[in-house]
Each structure stands twice: as C-alpha cells, then as structure tokens.
C-alpha atoms as a PDB file:
ATOM      1  CA  MET A   1      -5.761 -12.330  -8.412  1.00  0.00           C
ATOM      2  CA  LEU A   2      -9.140 -11.013  -7.495  1.00  0.00           C
ATOM      3  CA  TYR A   3      -8.060 -11.133  -3.377  1.00  0.00           C
ATOM      4  CA  GLY A   4      -4.622  -9.484  -4.850  1.00  0.00           C
ATOM      5  CA  ILE A   5      -6.704  -6.592  -6.430  1.00  0.00           C
ATOM      6  CA  ILE A   6      -9.380  -6.387  -3.414  1.00  0.00           C
ATOM      7  CA  ILE A   7      -6.304  -6.168  -0.625  1.00  0.00           C
ATOM      8  CA  GLY A   8      -4.322  -3.760  -3.239  1.00  0.00           C
ATOM      9  CA  ILE A   9      -7.132  -1.660  -3.247  1.00  0.00           C
ATOM     10  CA  ILE A  10      -8.085  -1.007  -0.030  1.00  0.00           C
ATOM     11  CA  ALA A  11      -4.937  -0.804   1.058  1.00  0.00           C
ATOM     12  CA  GLY A  12      -4.116   2.165  -1.463  1.00  0.00           C
ATOM     13  CA  TYR A  13      -7.896   4.153  -0.130  1.00  0.00           C
ATOM     14  CA  ILE A  14      -6.427   4.016   3.274  1.00  0.00           C
ATOM     15  CA  ALA A  15      -3.003   4.990   2.374  1.00  0.00           C
ATOM     16  CA  SER A  16      -4.058   8.330   0.613  1.00  0.00           C
ATOM     17  CA  ARG A  17      -6.503   9.156   3.020  1.00  0.00           C
ATOM     18  CA  LEU A  18      -3.572   8.802   5.665  1.00  0.00           C
ATOM     19  CA  GLN A  19      -1.372  11.089   3.401  1.00  0.00           C
ATOM     20  CA  LYS A  20      -3.585  13.001   1.804  1.00  0.00           C
ATOM     21  CA  GLY A  21      -6.817  13.011   3.195  1.00  0.00           C
ATOM     22  CA  ALA A  22      -8.975  12.375   0.298  1.00  0.00           C
ATOM     23  CA  SER A  23      -8.917   9.354  -2.056  1.00  0.00           C
ATOM     24  CA  SER A  24      -7.644   9.178  -5.111  1.00  0.00           C
ATOM     25  CA  GLY A  25      -9.802   7.655  -7.187  1.00  0.00           C
ATOM     26  CA  LEU A  26     -10.282   3.951  -7.518  1.00  0.00           C
ATOM     27  CA  LEU A  27      -7.333   2.510 -10.065  1.00  0.00           C
ATOM     28  CA  VAL A  28      -5.255   5.313  -8.848  1.00  0.00           C
ATOM     29  CA  ASN A  29      -6.218   3.509  -4.865  1.00  0.00           C
ATOM     30  CA  LEU A  30      -5.450  -0.019  -6.987  1.00  0.00           C
ATOM     31  CA  PHE A  31      -2.035   1.047  -8.268  1.00  0.00           C
ATOM     32  CA  LEU A  32      -0.503   2.608  -5.199  1.00  0.00           C
ATOM     33  CA  GLY A  33      -2.500  -0.404  -3.334  1.00  0.00           C
ATOM     34  CA  LEU A  34      -0.052  -2.730  -5.431  1.00  0.00           C
ATOM     35  CA  LEU A  35       2.746  -0.822  -5.799  1.00  0.00           C
ATOM     36  CA  GLY A  36       2.750  -0.827  -1.971  1.00  0.00           C
ATOM     37  CA  GLY A  37       2.797  -4.459  -1.294  1.00  0.00           C
ATOM     38  CA  PHE A  38       5.937  -4.496  -3.287  1.00  0.00           C
ATOM     39  CA  VAL A  39       7.247  -1.670  -1.653  1.00  0.00           C
ATOM     40  CA  GLY A  40       6.093  -2.839   2.408  1.00  0.00           C
ATOM     41  CA  GLY A  41       6.635  -6.971   1.177  1.00  0.00           C
ATOM     42  CA  SER A  42      10.120  -6.265   0.243  1.00  0.00           C
ATOM     43  CA  LEU A  43      10.772  -3.939   3.039  1.00  0.00           C
ATOM     44  CA  PHE A  44       9.365  -5.616   5.299  1.00  0.00           C
ATOM     45  CA  GLY A  45      11.337  -9.227   4.209  1.00  0.00           C
ATOM     46  CA  LEU A  46      14.243  -7.210   5.441  1.00  0.00           C
ATOM     47  CA  PHE A  47      13.822  -6.872   8.568  1.00  0.00           C
ATOM     48  CA  GLY A  48      12.663 -10.679   8.764  1.00  0.00           C
ATOM     49  CA  LEU A  49       9.161 -10.081   8.839  1.00  0.00           C
ATOM     50  CA  GLU A  50       6.027 -11.630   6.770  1.00  0.00           C
ATOM     51  CA  SER A  51       2.829 -11.312   6.465  1.00  0.00           C
ATOM     52  CA  HIS A  52      -0.082 -14.493   6.440  1.00  0.00           C
ATOM     53  CA  SER A  53      -3.610 -13.074   6.870  1.00  0.00           C
ATOM     54  CA  TRP A  54      -5.456 -10.885   5.385  1.00  0.00           C
ATOM     55  CA  LEU A  55      -4.782  -8.416   7.793  1.00  0.00           C
ATOM     56  CA  GLY A  56      -1.081  -8.562   7.754  1.00  0.00           C
ATOM     57  CA  GLU A  57      -0.918  -7.954   3.829  1.00  0.00           C
ATOM     58  CA  ILE A  58      -3.617  -4.444   4.035  1.00  0.00           C
ATOM     59  CA  VAL A  59      -0.668  -3.549   6.921  1.00  0.00           C
ATOM     60  CA  THR A  60       1.844  -4.444   5.242  1.00  0.00           C
ATOM     61  CA  SER A  61       0.403  -2.824   1.211  1.00  0.00           C
ATOM     62  CA  VAL A  62      -0.605   0.050   4.022  1.00  0.00           C
ATOM     63  CA  VAL A  63       3.051   1.084   5.513  1.00  0.00           C
ATOM     64  CA  GLY A  64       4.773   0.400   1.533  1.00  0.00           C
ATOM     65  CA  ALA A  65       1.960   2.405   0.119  1.00  0.00           C
ATOM     66  CA  VAL A  66       2.126   5.272   2.938  1.00  0.00           C
ATOM     67  CA  ILE A  67       6.056   4.959   2.036  1.00  0.00           C
ATOM     68  CA  VAL A  68       5.639   5.784  -2.000  1.00  0.00           C
ATOM     69  CA  LEU A  69       3.192   9.210  -1.449  1.00  0.00           C
ATOM     70  CA  TRP A  70       5.846  10.074   0.729  1.00  0.00           C
ATOM     71  CA  VAL A  71       8.633   9.631  -2.102  1.00  0.00           C
ATOM     72  CA  PHE A  72       6.505  11.028  -4.773  1.00  0.00           C
ATOM     73  CA  SER A  73       5.707  14.245  -2.304  1.00  0.00           C
ATOM     74  CA  LYS A  74       9.591  14.646  -2.114  1.00  0.00           C
ATOM     75  CA  MET A  75      10.007  14.353  -5.897  1.00  0.00           C
ATOM     76  CA  LYS A  76       7.705  17.702  -6.071  1.00  0.00           C
END
C-alpha cells in the first residue's frame, strides 16, 4: 500500500508539472496519481499493455493523470 501511495505522489507531481507547470500540493498530487493509475491502467489494458516495474507504473500513472487533468481543464 505504501508503494502505491509513493508511486501516486510521484506520478501526480510529474503530471501536474507537465500540465500546469507547478505542483498542486501533496494530497492533490496523491489523488491525481492514484486516479491517473486507474485511468492509465484501464487505457493501457484496452491496448493489451501492462507494466511490470516501478518505472512502468509511474509512466502508466502519469499518462492517466495527464488525461484526467486534460478532461478537467475542458470541463471548466
């Protein structure tokens, strides 16, 4: 569980820096990374891709988090 939280924080931080250029805070980054992991994992699963390493999990979560941020920016 701690492993997933750390991956979520890192992925959320990277995604928020890619989209907005500034970090959004620890809890927001954690939520964004965890949601991004779900979205990215689901999206990659549709294409038959899966991650087997911590780096793959970060990439998957970052891609999902960027998609989540993009969707939220379009809803405003």
